[in-house]
Amino acid sequence: MLTLSTPSAIPQRASLGRLVNQSTMLLMVSIGTIILILALLILFHQNATATKGYMLRTLERERSALMLEEEVLKMQVADAQALDRLEEDKQVQAMVTIRYPLYMQGDTTVAATEKQ
């Protein structure tokens, strides 16, 4: 005769049920922990990306300001090198004009001496 409800089978069923409950609880805690870790990793990654974006915008604004400053300086250099400005310079005005300029004729060099 075989009986299914023996006294030794009841504690085994209770411990099996408790083991299933513990396994389910451990699984839920593990999944929750993994989700929390992933959420923190995503948060740190988004924070790093936002910080880089902010730095990029700041550098872009600084670059635009420096390019504008460069253009202003180029305009000032061009103004300083303009012929009108050179004509008004005191050193240029102090130069003596040549009345009868002599020009070189032919293919001779300046250092060549003419024998006559």
PDB file of N, CA and C in Angstrom:
ATOM      1  N   MET A   1       0.801  -1.173   0.000  1.00  0.00           N
ATOM      2  CA  MET A   1       0.000   0.000   0.000  1.00  0.00           C
ATOM      3  C   MET A   1       0.857   1.254   0.000  1.00  0.00           C
ATOM      4  N   LEU A   2       0.500   2.036  -0.876  1.00  0.00           N
ATOM      5  CA  LEU A   2       1.259   3.274  -1.045  1.00  0.00           C
ATOM      6  C   LEU A   2       0.353   4.451  -0.706  1.00  0.00           C
ATOM      7  N   THR A   3       0.744   5.249   0.208  1.00  0.00           N
ATOM      8  CA  THR A   3      -0.044   6.441   0.561  1.00  0.00           C
ATOM      9  C   THR A   3       0.730   7.679   0.159  1.00  0.00           C
ATOM     10  N   LEU A   4      -0.005   8.624  -0.380  1.00  0.00           N
ATOM     11  CA  LEU A   4       0.642   9.829  -0.870  1.00  0.00           C
ATOM     12  C   LEU A   4       0.862  10.855   0.227  1.00  0.00           C
ATOM     13  N   SER A   5       0.042  10.863   1.188  1.00  0.00           N
ATOM     14  CA  SER A   5       0.199  11.865   2.230  1.00  0.00           C
ATOM     15  C   SER A   5       0.875  11.261   3.437  1.00  0.00           C
ATOM     16  N   THR A   6       2.115  11.040   3.301  1.00  0.00           N
ATOM     17  CA  THR A   6       2.891  10.536   4.430  1.00  0.00           C
ATOM     18  C   THR A   6       3.418  11.719   5.208  1.00  0.00           C
ATOM     19  N   PRO A   7       3.695  11.561   6.450  1.00  0.00           N
ATOM     20  CA  PRO A   7       4.183  12.676   7.264  1.00  0.00           C
ATOM     21  C   PRO A   7       5.525  13.217   6.775  1.00  0.00           C
ATOM     22  N   SER A   8       6.361  12.436   6.140  1.00  0.00           N
ATOM     23  CA  SER A   8       7.667  12.944   5.683  1.00  0.00           C
ATOM     24  C   SER A   8       7.521  13.769   4.401  1.00  0.00           C
ATOM     25  N   ALA A   9       6.428  13.612   3.635  1.00  0.00           N
ATOM     26  CA  ALA A   9       6.232  14.353   2.400  1.00  0.00           C
ATOM     27  C   ALA A   9       5.750  15.779   2.660  1.00  0.00           C
ATOM     28  N   ILE A  10       5.073  16.033   3.718  1.00  0.00           N
ATOM     29  CA  ILE A  10       4.528  17.366   4.017  1.00  0.00           C
ATOM     30  C   ILE A  10       5.645  18.374   4.285  1.00  0.00           C
ATOM     31  N   PRO A  11       6.627  18.073   5.116  1.00  0.00           N
ATOM     32  CA  PRO A  11       7.706  19.055   5.297  1.00  0.00           C
ATOM     33  C   PRO A  11       8.487  19.291   4.006  1.00  0.00           C
ATOM     34  N   GLN A  12       8.581  18.291   3.158  1.00  0.00           N
ATOM     35  CA  GLN A  12       9.299  18.469   1.904  1.00  0.00           C
ATOM     36  C   GLN A  12       8.550  19.434   1.003  1.00  0.00           C
ATOM     37  N   ARG A  13       7.219  19.325   0.980  1.00  0.00           N
ATOM     38  CA  ARG A  13       6.421  20.241   0.179  1.00  0.00           C
ATOM     39  C   ARG A  13       6.505  21.663   0.733  1.00  0.00           C
ATOM     40  N   ALA A  14       6.495  21.815   2.003  1.00  0.00           N
ATOM     41  CA  ALA A  14       6.585  23.138   2.627  1.00  0.00           C
ATOM     42  C   ALA A  14       7.933  23.766   2.331  1.00  0.00           C
ATOM     43  N   SER A  15       8.990  22.997   2.429  1.00  0.00           N
ATOM     44  CA  SER A  15      10.317  23.556   2.146  1.00  0.00           C
ATOM     45  C   SER A  15      10.458  23.864   0.654  1.00  0.00           C
ATOM     46  N   LEU A  16       9.829  23.048  -0.211  1.00  0.00           N
ATOM     47  CA  LEU A  16       9.858  23.311  -1.651  1.00  0.00           C
ATOM     48  C   LEU A  16       9.112  24.612  -1.966  1.00  0.00           C
ATOM     49  N   GLY A  17       7.966  24.833  -1.340  1.00  0.00           N
ATOM     50  CA  GLY A  17       7.203  26.074  -1.535  1.00  0.00           C
ATOM     51  C   GLY A  17       7.981  27.283  -1.034  1.00  0.00           C
ATOM     52  N   ARG A  18       8.629  27.115   0.110  1.00  0.00           N
ATOM     53  CA  ARG A  18       9.428  28.201   0.655  1.00  0.00           C
ATOM     54  C   ARG A  18      10.620  28.499  -0.264  1.00  0.00           C
ATOM     55  N   LEU A  19      11.213  27.464  -0.816  1.00  0.00           N
ATOM     56  CA  LEU A  19      12.336  27.613  -1.730  1.00  0.00           C
ATOM     57  C   LEU A  19      11.902  28.343  -3.017  1.00  0.00           C
ATOM     58  N   VAL A  20      10.717  28.023  -3.532  1.00  0.00           N
ATOM     59  CA  VAL A  20      10.189  28.703  -4.712  1.00  0.00           C
ATOM     60  C   VAL A  20       9.930  30.177  -4.395  1.00  0.00           C
ATOM     61  N   ASN A  21       9.351  30.461  -3.248  1.00  0.00           N
ATOM     62  CA  ASN A  21       9.100  31.852  -2.844  1.00  0.00           C
ATOM     63  C   ASN A  21      10.406  32.635  -2.697  1.00  0.00           C
ATOM     64  N   GLN A  22      11.403  31.987  -2.076  1.00  0.00           N
ATOM     65  CA  GLN A  22      12.697  32.648  -1.916  1.00  0.00           C
ATOM     66  C   GLN A  22      13.362  32.887  -3.273  1.00  0.00           C
ATOM     67  N   SER A  23      13.263  31.936  -4.163  1.00  0.00           N
ATOM     68  CA  SER A  23      13.855  32.078  -5.500  1.00  0.00           C
ATOM     69  C   SER A  23      13.169  33.208  -6.263  1.00  0.00           C
ATOM     70  N   THR A  24      11.841  33.281  -6.156  1.00  0.00           N
ATOM     71  CA  THR A  24      11.102  34.345  -6.824  1.00  0.00           C
ATOM     72  C   THR A  24      11.499  35.702  -6.255  1.00  0.00           C
ATOM     73  N   MET A  25      11.612  35.773  -4.951  1.00  0.00           N
ATOM     74  CA  MET A  25      12.004  37.027  -4.306  1.00  0.00           C
ATOM     75  C   MET A  25      13.440  37.408  -4.696  1.00  0.00           C
ATOM     76  N   LEU A  26      14.341  36.457  -4.748  1.00  0.00           N
ATOM     77  CA  LEU A  26      15.723  36.712  -5.146  1.00  0.00           C
ATOM     78  C   LEU A  26      15.783  37.176  -6.601  1.00  0.00           C
ATOM     79  N   LEU A  27      14.977  36.555  -7.451  1.00  0.00           N
ATOM     80  CA  LEU A  27      14.924  36.950  -8.852  1.00  0.00           C
ATOM     81  C   LEU A  27      14.416  38.392  -8.981  1.00  0.00           C
ATOM     82  N   MET A  28      13.372  38.734  -8.250  1.00  0.00           N
ATOM     83  CA  MET A  28      12.829  40.091  -8.299  1.00  0.00           C
ATOM     84  C   MET A  28      13.848  41.117  -7.791  1.00  0.00           C
ATOM     85  N   VAL A  29      14.540  40.795  -6.718  1.00  0.00           N
ATOM     86  CA  VAL A  29      15.558  41.709  -6.172  1.00  0.00           C
ATOM     87  C   VAL A  29      16.701  41.859  -7.175  1.00  0.00           C
ATOM     88  N   SER A  30      17.122  40.769  -7.800  1.00  0.00           N
ATOM     89  CA  SER A  30      18.207  40.820  -8.789  1.00  0.00           C
ATOM     90  C   SER A  30      17.804  41.678  -9.984  1.00  0.00           C
ATOM     91  N   ILE A  31      16.611  41.468 -10.499  1.00  0.00           N
ATOM     92  CA  ILE A  31      16.137  42.261 -11.633  1.00  0.00           C
ATOM     93  C   ILE A  31      16.030  43.734 -11.246  1.00  0.00           C
ATOM     94  N   GLY A  32      15.518  44.015 -10.064  1.00  0.00           N
ATOM     95  CA  GLY A  32      15.415  45.404  -9.589  1.00  0.00           C
ATOM     96  C   GLY A  32      16.785  46.046  -9.469  1.00  0.00           C
ATOM     97  N   THR A  33      17.750  45.289  -8.957  1.00  0.00           N
ATOM     98  CA  THR A  33      19.112  45.821  -8.824  1.00  0.00           C
ATOM     99  C   THR A  33      19.724  46.107 -10.189  1.00  0.00           C
ATOM    100  N   ILE A  34      19.527  45.204 -11.127  1.00  0.00           N
ATOM    101  CA  ILE A  34      20.061  45.416 -12.488  1.00  0.00           C
ATOM    102  C   ILE A  34      19.419  46.641 -13.123  1.00  0.00           C
ATOM    103  N   ILE A  35      18.110  46.793 -12.947  1.00  0.00           N
ATOM    104  CA  ILE A  35      17.414  47.964 -13.505  1.00  0.00           C
ATOM    105  C   ILE A  35      17.939  49.248 -12.868  1.00  0.00           C
ATOM    106  N   LEU A  36      18.159  49.236 -11.560  1.00  0.00           N
ATOM    107  CA  LEU A  36      18.670  50.417 -10.867  1.00  0.00           C
ATOM    108  C   LEU A  36      20.075  50.762 -11.352  1.00  0.00           C
ATOM    109  N   ILE A  37      20.929  49.749 -11.508  1.00  0.00           N
ATOM    110  CA  ILE A  37      22.298  50.004 -11.992  1.00  0.00           C
ATOM    111  C   ILE A  37      22.265  50.563 -13.409  1.00  0.00           C
ATOM    112  N   LEU A  38      21.434  49.988 -14.271  1.00  0.00           N
ATOM    113  CA  LEU A  38      21.324  50.499 -15.636  1.00  0.00           C
ATOM    114  C   LEU A  38      20.792  51.927 -15.661  1.00  0.00           C
ATOM    115  N   ALA A  39      19.828  52.224 -14.801  1.00  0.00           N
ATOM    116  CA  ALA A  39      19.291  53.585 -14.739  1.00  0.00           C
ATOM    117  C   ALA A  39      20.373  54.569 -14.300  1.00  0.00           C
ATOM    118  N   LEU A  40      21.198  54.182 -13.330  1.00  0.00           N
ATOM    119  CA  LEU A  40      22.282  55.058 -12.886  1.00  0.00           C
ATOM    120  C   LEU A  40      23.325  55.253 -13.987  1.00  0.00           C
ATOM    121  N   LEU A  41      23.647  54.177 -14.713  1.00  0.00           N
ATOM    122  CA  LEU A  41      24.596  54.293 -15.816  1.00  0.00           C
ATOM    123  C   LEU A  41      24.060  55.226 -16.907  1.00  0.00           C
ATOM    124  N   ILE A  42      22.789  55.103 -17.227  1.00  0.00           N
ATOM    125  CA  ILE A  42      22.174  55.987 -18.222  1.00  0.00           C
ATOM    126  C   ILE A  42      22.201  57.428 -17.733  1.00  0.00           C
ATOM    127  N   LEU A  43      21.929  57.635 -16.451  1.00  0.00           N
ATOM    128  CA  LEU A  43      21.948  58.981 -15.889  1.00  0.00           C
ATOM    129  C   LEU A  43      23.342  59.593 -15.988  1.00  0.00           C
ATOM    130  N   PHE A  44      24.377  58.841 -15.624  1.00  0.00           N
ATOM    131  CA  PHE A  44      25.739  59.357 -15.714  1.00  0.00           C
ATOM    132  C   PHE A  44      26.136  59.633 -17.169  1.00  0.00           C
ATOM    133  N   HIS A  45      25.727  58.759 -18.070  1.00  0.00           N
ATOM    134  CA  HIS A  45      26.038  58.961 -19.485  1.00  0.00           C
ATOM    135  C   HIS A  45      25.352  60.210 -20.032  1.00  0.00           C
ATOM    136  N   GLN A  46      24.089  60.400 -19.699  1.00  0.00           N
ATOM    137  CA  GLN A  46      23.363  61.589 -20.143  1.00  0.00           C
ATOM    138  C   GLN A  46      23.973  62.853 -19.554  1.00  0.00           C
ATOM    139  N   ASN A  47      24.413  62.778 -18.314  1.00  0.00           N
ATOM    140  CA  ASN A  47      25.042  63.926 -17.676  1.00  0.00           C
ATOM    141  C   ASN A  47      26.344  64.276 -18.393  1.00  0.00           C
ATOM    142  N   ALA A  48      27.150  63.265 -18.714  1.00  0.00           N
ATOM    143  CA  ALA A  48      28.409  63.512 -19.431  1.00  0.00           C
ATOM    144  C   ALA A  48      28.139  64.098 -20.816  1.00  0.00           C
ATOM    145  N   THR A  49      27.124  63.595 -21.492  1.00  0.00           N
ATOM    146  CA  THR A  49      26.777  64.104 -22.821  1.00  0.00           C
ATOM    147  C   THR A  49      26.306  65.556 -22.737  1.00  0.00           C
ATOM    148  N   ALA A  50      25.496  65.867 -21.754  1.00  0.00           N
ATOM    149  CA  ALA A  50      25.012  67.241 -21.590  1.00  0.00           C
ATOM    150  C   ALA A  50      26.165  68.188 -21.265  1.00  0.00           C
ATOM    151  N   THR A  51      27.099  67.731 -20.451  1.00  0.00           N
ATOM    152  CA  THR A  51      28.254  68.563 -20.102  1.00  0.00           C
ATOM    153  C   THR A  51      29.103  68.840 -21.335  1.00  0.00           C
ATOM    154  N   LYS A  52      29.315  67.821 -22.167  1.00  0.00           N
ATOM    155  CA  LYS A  52      30.086  68.015 -23.393  1.00  0.00           C
ATOM    156  C   LYS A  52      29.358  68.960 -24.352  1.00  0.00           C
ATOM    157  N   GLY A  53      28.049  68.841 -24.432  1.00  0.00           N
ATOM    158  CA  GLY A  53      27.274  69.742 -25.277  1.00  0.00           C
ATOM    159  C   GLY A  53      27.376  71.177 -24.808  1.00  0.00           C
ATOM    160  N   TYR A  54      27.333  71.384 -23.498  1.00  0.00           N
ATOM    161  CA  TYR A  54      27.466  72.724 -22.943  1.00  0.00           C
ATOM    162  C   TYR A  54      28.841  73.293 -23.264  1.00  0.00           C
ATOM    163  N   MET A  55      29.879  72.481 -23.085  1.00  0.00           N
ATOM    164  CA  MET A  55      31.238  72.934 -23.382  1.00  0.00           C
ATOM    165  C   MET A  55      31.384  73.245 -24.867  1.00  0.00           C
ATOM    166  N   LEU A  56      30.762  72.432 -25.714  1.00  0.00           N
ATOM    167  CA  LEU A  56      30.826  72.646 -27.152  1.00  0.00           C
ATOM    168  C   LEU A  56      30.155  73.967 -27.543  1.00  0.00           C
ATOM    169  N   ARG A  57      29.001  74.250 -26.962  1.00  0.00           N
ATOM    170  CA  ARG A  57      28.318  75.520 -27.248  1.00  0.00           C
ATOM    171  C   ARG A  57      29.160  76.706 -26.770  1.00  0.00           C
ATOM    172  N   THR A  58      29.772  76.567 -25.590  1.00  0.00           N
ATOM    173  CA  THR A  58      30.609  77.644 -25.061  1.00  0.00           C
ATOM    174  C   THR A  58      31.807  77.889 -25.968  1.00  0.00           C
ATOM    175  N   LEU A  59      32.450  76.820 -26.407  1.00  0.00           N
ATOM    176  CA  LEU A  59      33.595  76.967 -27.303  1.00  0.00           C
ATOM    177  C   LEU A  59      33.185  77.532 -28.656  1.00  0.00           C
ATOM    178  N   GLU A  60      32.003  77.171 -29.124  1.00  0.00           N
ATOM    179  CA  GLU A  60      31.518  77.703 -30.403  1.00  0.00           C
ATOM    180  C   GLU A  60      31.270  79.206 -30.293  1.00  0.00           C
ATOM    181  N   ARG A  61      30.700  79.651 -29.177  1.00  0.00           N
ATOM    182  CA  ARG A  61      30.495  81.092 -28.972  1.00  0.00           C
ATOM    183  C   ARG A  61      31.833  81.823 -28.901  1.00  0.00           C
ATOM    184  N   GLU A  62      32.794  81.222 -28.181  1.00  0.00           N
ATOM    185  CA  GLU A  62      34.121  81.834 -28.066  1.00  0.00           C
ATOM    186  C   GLU A  62      34.798  81.901 -29.439  1.00  0.00           C
ATOM    187  N   ARG A  63      34.643  80.853 -30.233  1.00  0.00           N
ATOM    188  CA  ARG A  63      35.214  80.829 -31.584  1.00  0.00           C
ATOM    189  C   ARG A  63      34.604  81.930 -32.445  1.00  0.00           C
ATOM    190  N   SER A  64      33.294  82.105 -32.359  1.00  0.00           N
ATOM    191  CA  SER A  64      32.635  83.164 -33.137  1.00  0.00           C
ATOM    192  C   SER A  64      33.140  84.540 -32.717  1.00  0.00           C
ATOM    193  N   ALA A  65      33.302  84.742 -31.414  1.00  0.00           N
ATOM    194  CA  ALA A  65      33.795  86.037 -30.925  1.00  0.00           C
ATOM    195  C   ALA A  65      35.223  86.280 -31.407  1.00  0.00           C
ATOM    196  N   LEU A  66      36.058  85.233 -31.384  1.00  0.00           N
ATOM    197  CA  LEU A  66      37.436  85.391 -31.840  1.00  0.00           C
ATOM    198  C   LEU A  66      37.511  85.638 -33.351  1.00  0.00           C
ATOM    199  N   MET A  67      36.626  84.994 -34.097  1.00  0.00           N
ATOM    200  CA  MET A  67      36.603  85.237 -35.547  1.00  0.00           C
ATOM    201  C   MET A  67      36.180  86.673 -35.844  1.00  0.00           C
ATOM    202  N   LEU A  68      35.212  87.181 -35.096  1.00  0.00           N
ATOM    203  CA  LEU A  68      34.791  88.569 -35.270  1.00  0.00           C
ATOM    204  C   LEU A  68      35.930  89.520 -34.926  1.00  0.00           C
ATOM    205  N   GLU A  69      36.632  89.231 -33.835  1.00  0.00           N
ATOM    206  CA  GLU A  69      37.769  90.055 -33.439  1.00  0.00           C
ATOM    207  C   GLU A  69      38.868  90.009 -34.510  1.00  0.00           C
ATOM    208  N   GLU A  70      39.084  88.836 -35.106  1.00  0.00           N
ATOM    209  CA  GLU A  70      40.081  88.704 -36.172  1.00  0.00           C
ATOM    210  C   GLU A  70      39.702  89.560 -37.377  1.00  0.00           C
ATOM    211  N   GLU A  71      38.427  89.554 -37.739  1.00  0.00           N
ATOM    212  CA  GLU A  71      37.975  90.378 -38.858  1.00  0.00           C
ATOM    213  C   GLU A  71      38.178  91.864 -38.571  1.00  0.00           C
ATOM    214  N   VAL A  72      37.908  92.280 -37.340  1.00  0.00           N
ATOM    215  CA  VAL A  72      38.109  93.685 -36.968  1.00  0.00           C
ATOM    216  C   VAL A  72      39.587  94.038 -37.067  1.00  0.00           C
ATOM    217  N   LEU A  73      40.451  93.134 -36.582  1.00  0.00           N
ATOM    218  CA  LEU A  73      41.889  93.394 -36.654  1.00  0.00           C
ATOM    219  C   LEU A  73      42.380  93.432 -38.103  1.00  0.00           C
ATOM    220  N   LYS A  74      41.841  92.579 -38.953  1.00  0.00           N
ATOM    221  CA  LYS A  74      42.217  92.607 -40.370  1.00  0.00           C
ATOM    222  C   LYS A  74      41.803  93.926 -41.012  1.00  0.00           C
ATOM    223  N   MET A  75      40.630  94.421 -40.640  1.00  0.00           N
ATOM    224  CA  MET A  75      40.182  95.702 -41.175  1.00  0.00           C
ATOM    225  C   MET A  75      41.094  96.832 -40.690  1.00  0.00           C
ATOM    226  N   GLN A  76      41.532  96.770 -39.433  1.00  0.00           N
ATOM    227  CA  GLN A  76      42.431  97.789 -38.902  1.00  0.00           C
ATOM    228  C   GLN A  76      43.789  97.735 -39.599  1.00  0.00           C
ATOM    229  N   VAL A  77      44.283  96.542 -39.891  1.00  0.00           N
ATOM    230  CA  VAL A  77      45.553  96.397 -40.608  1.00  0.00           C
ATOM    231  C   VAL A  77      45.410  96.944 -42.020  1.00  0.00           C
ATOM    232  N   ALA A  78      44.313  96.619 -42.680  1.00  0.00           N
ATOM    233  CA  ALA A  78      44.087  97.123 -44.031  1.00  0.00           C
ATOM    234  C   ALA A  78      43.998  98.649 -44.035  1.00  0.00           C
ATOM    235  N   ASP A  79      43.374  99.205 -43.013  1.00  0.00           N
ATOM    236  CA  ASP A  79      43.268 100.664 -42.911  1.00  0.00           C
ATOM    237  C   ASP A  79      44.643 101.278 -42.683  1.00  0.00           C
ATOM    238  N   ALA A  80      45.464 100.626 -41.846  1.00  0.00           N
ATOM    239  CA  ALA A  80      46.800 101.154 -41.575  1.00  0.00           C
ATOM    240  C   ALA A  80      47.699 101.064 -42.801  1.00  0.00           C
ATOM    241  N   GLN A  81      47.451 100.108 -43.678  1.00  0.00           N
ATOM    242  CA  GLN A  81      48.275  99.944 -44.872  1.00  0.00           C
ATOM    243  C   GLN A  81      47.714 100.666 -46.092  1.00  0.00           C
ATOM    244  N   ALA A  82      46.626 101.355 -45.944  1.00  0.00           N
ATOM    245  CA  ALA A  82      45.998 102.040 -47.076  1.00  0.00           C
ATOM    246  C   ALA A  82      46.901 103.171 -47.587  1.00  0.00           C
ATOM    247  N   LEU A  83      46.816 103.461 -48.896  1.00  0.00           N
ATOM    248  CA  LEU A  83      47.660 104.498 -49.501  1.00  0.00           C
ATOM    249  C   LEU A  83      47.339 105.886 -48.954  1.00  0.00           C
ATOM    250  N   ASP A  84      46.084 106.143 -48.669  1.00  0.00           N
ATOM    251  CA  ASP A  84      45.724 107.441 -48.106  1.00  0.00           C
ATOM    252  C   ASP A  84      46.431 107.665 -46.775  1.00  0.00           C
ATOM    253  N   ARG A  85      46.476 106.610 -45.978  1.00  0.00           N
ATOM    254  CA  ARG A  85      47.127 106.706 -44.673  1.00  0.00           C
ATOM    255  C   ARG A  85      48.620 106.922 -44.848  1.00  0.00           C
ATOM    256  N   LEU A  86      49.221 106.234 -45.839  1.00  0.00           N
ATOM    257  CA  LEU A  86      50.660 106.396 -46.082  1.00  0.00           C
ATOM    258  C   LEU A  86      50.978 107.804 -46.596  1.00  0.00           C
ATOM    259  N   GLU A  87      50.096 108.363 -47.413  1.00  0.00           N
ATOM    260  CA  GLU A  87      50.329 109.714 -47.921  1.00  0.00           C
ATOM    261  C   GLU A  87      50.272 110.751 -46.806  1.00  0.00           C
ATOM    262  N   GLU A  88      49.509 110.506 -45.787  1.00  0.00           N
ATOM    263  CA  GLU A  88      49.387 111.450 -44.671  1.00  0.00           C
ATOM    264  C   GLU A  88      50.498 111.266 -43.638  1.00  0.00           C
ATOM    265  N   ASP A  89      51.305 110.254 -43.771  1.00  0.00           N
ATOM    266  CA  ASP A  89      52.363 109.990 -42.804  1.00  0.00           C
ATOM    267  C   ASP A  89      53.419 111.093 -42.877  1.00  0.00           C
ATOM    268  N   LYS A  90      53.941 111.517 -41.743  1.00  0.00           N
ATOM    269  CA  LYS A  90      54.908 112.610 -41.678  1.00  0.00           C
ATOM    270  C   LYS A  90      56.225 112.225 -42.342  1.00  0.00           C
ATOM    271  N   GLN A  91      56.654 110.995 -42.181  1.00  0.00           N
ATOM    272  CA  GLN A  91      57.906 110.568 -42.809  1.00  0.00           C
ATOM    273  C   GLN A  91      57.792 110.571 -44.331  1.00  0.00           C
ATOM    274  N   VAL A  92      56.663 110.148 -44.841  1.00  0.00           N
ATOM    275  CA  VAL A  92      56.466 110.143 -46.287  1.00  0.00           C
ATOM    276  C   VAL A  92      56.398 111.576 -46.814  1.00  0.00           C
ATOM    277  N   GLN A  93      55.748 112.466 -46.094  1.00  0.00           N
ATOM    278  CA  GLN A  93      55.644 113.860 -46.523  1.00  0.00           C
ATOM    279  C   GLN A  93      56.998 114.572 -46.457  1.00  0.00           C
ATOM    280  N   ALA A  94      57.891 114.122 -45.588  1.00  0.00           N
ATOM    281  CA  ALA A  94      59.207 114.745 -45.450  1.00  0.00           C
ATOM    282  C   ALA A  94      60.156 114.335 -46.576  1.00  0.00           C
ATOM    283  N   MET A  95      59.800 113.351 -47.377  1.00  0.00           N
ATOM    284  CA  MET A  95      60.665 112.914 -48.481  1.00  0.00           C
ATOM    285  C   MET A  95      60.692 113.980 -49.574  1.00  0.00           C
ATOM    286  N   VAL A  96      61.844 114.086 -50.208  1.00  0.00           N
ATOM    287  CA  VAL A  96      62.047 115.082 -51.258  1.00  0.00           C
ATOM    288  C   VAL A  96      61.677 114.457 -52.593  1.00  0.00           C
ATOM    289  N   THR A  97      60.975 115.198 -53.408  1.00  0.00           N
ATOM    290  CA  THR A  97      60.617 114.689 -54.735  1.00  0.00           C
ATOM    291  C   THR A  97      61.797 114.863 -55.682  1.00  0.00           C
ATOM    292  N   ILE A  98      61.975 113.969 -56.587  1.00  0.00           N
ATOM    293  CA  ILE A  98      63.071 114.010 -57.551  1.00  0.00           C
ATOM    294  C   ILE A  98      62.618 114.848 -58.739  1.00  0.00           C
ATOM    295  N   ARG A  99      63.469 115.811 -59.125  1.00  0.00           N
ATOM    296  CA  ARG A  99      63.085 116.696 -60.215  1.00  0.00           C
ATOM    297  C   ARG A  99      63.410 116.083 -61.575  1.00  0.00           C
ATOM    298  N   TYR A 100      64.589 115.571 -61.747  1.00  0.00           N
ATOM    299  CA  TYR A 100      65.001 115.008 -63.035  1.00  0.00           C
ATOM    300  C   TYR A 100      65.481 113.570 -62.822  1.00  0.00           C
ATOM    301  N   PRO A 101      64.602 112.626 -62.822  1.00  0.00           N
ATOM    302  CA  PRO A 101      65.042 111.239 -62.588  1.00  0.00           C
ATOM    303  C   PRO A 101      65.797 110.675 -63.787  1.00  0.00           C
ATOM    304  N   LEU A 102      66.800 109.864 -63.514  1.00  0.00           N
ATOM    305  CA  LEU A 102      67.559 109.188 -64.552  1.00  0.00           C
ATOM    306  C   LEU A 102      67.198 107.717 -64.512  1.00  0.00           C
ATOM    307  N   TYR A 103      66.879 107.186 -65.642  1.00  0.00           N
ATOM    308  CA  TYR A 103      66.505 105.781 -65.725  1.00  0.00           C
ATOM    309  C   TYR A 103      67.613 105.019 -66.430  1.00  0.00           C
ATOM    310  N   MET A 104      67.776 103.773 -66.098  1.00  0.00           N
ATOM    311  CA  MET A 104      68.780 102.922 -66.717  1.00  0.00           C
ATOM    312  C   MET A 104      68.318 102.548 -68.119  1.00  0.00           C
ATOM    313  N   GLN A 105      69.250 102.502 -69.029  1.00  0.00           N
ATOM    314  CA  GLN A 105      68.962 102.112 -70.399  1.00  0.00           C
ATOM    315  C   GLN A 105      69.618 100.759 -70.660  1.00  0.00           C
ATOM    316  N   GLY A 106      68.922  99.874 -71.313  1.00  0.00           N
ATOM    317  CA  GLY A 106      69.513  98.601 -71.711  1.00  0.00           C
ATOM    318  C   GLY A 106      69.479  97.564 -70.614  1.00  0.00           C
ATOM    319  N   ASP A 107      70.308  96.541 -70.795  1.00  0.00           N
ATOM    320  CA  ASP A 107      70.327  95.418 -69.855  1.00  0.00           C
ATOM    321  C   ASP A 107      71.516  95.471 -68.910  1.00  0.00           C
ATOM    322  N   THR A 108      72.070  96.609 -68.664  1.00  0.00           N
ATOM    323  CA  THR A 108      73.235  96.694 -67.783  1.00  0.00           C
ATOM    324  C   THR A 108      72.792  96.682 -66.327  1.00  0.00           C
ATOM    325  N   THR A 109      73.711  96.254 -65.493  1.00  0.00           N
ATOM    326  CA  THR A 109      73.414  96.231 -64.060  1.00  0.00           C
ATOM    327  C   THR A 109      73.813  97.551 -63.443  1.00  0.00           C
ATOM    328  N   VAL A 110      73.377  97.788 -62.275  1.00  0.00           N
ATOM    329  CA  VAL A 110      73.661  99.034 -61.584  1.00  0.00           C
ATOM    330  C   VAL A 110      75.135  99.095 -61.206  1.00  0.00           C
ATOM    331  N   ALA A 111      75.732  97.952 -60.864  1.00  0.00           N
ATOM    332  CA  ALA A 111      77.109  97.923 -60.415  1.00  0.00           C
ATOM    333  C   ALA A 111      78.096  97.947 -61.575  1.00  0.00           C
ATOM    334  N   ALA A 112      77.658  97.845 -62.815  1.00  0.00           N
ATOM    335  CA  ALA A 112      78.576  97.825 -63.958  1.00  0.00           C
ATOM    336  C   ALA A 112      79.132  99.229 -64.202  1.00  0.00           C
ATOM    337  N   THR A 113      80.389  99.286 -64.563  1.00  0.00           N
ATOM    338  CA  THR A 113      80.997 100.577 -64.865  1.00  0.00           C
ATOM    339  C   THR A 113      81.131 100.681 -66.380  1.00  0.00           C
ATOM    340  N   GLU A 114      80.905 101.855 -66.885  1.00  0.00           N
ATOM    341  CA  GLU A 114      81.006 102.079 -68.329  1.00  0.00           C
ATOM    342  C   GLU A 114      82.385 102.614 -68.661  1.00  0.00           C
ATOM    343  N   LYS A 115      83.016 102.027 -69.642  1.00  0.00           N
ATOM    344  CA  LYS A 115      84.319 102.510 -70.094  1.00  0.00           C
ATOM    345  C   LYS A 115      84.088 103.272 -71.408  1.00  0.00           C
ATOM    346  N   GLN A 116      84.555 104.456 -71.437  1.00  0.00           N
ATOM    347  CA  GLN A 116      84.361 105.267 -72.631  1.00  0.00           C
ATOM    348  C   GLN A 116      85.655 105.646 -73.252  1.00  0.00           C
TER     349      GLN A 116
END
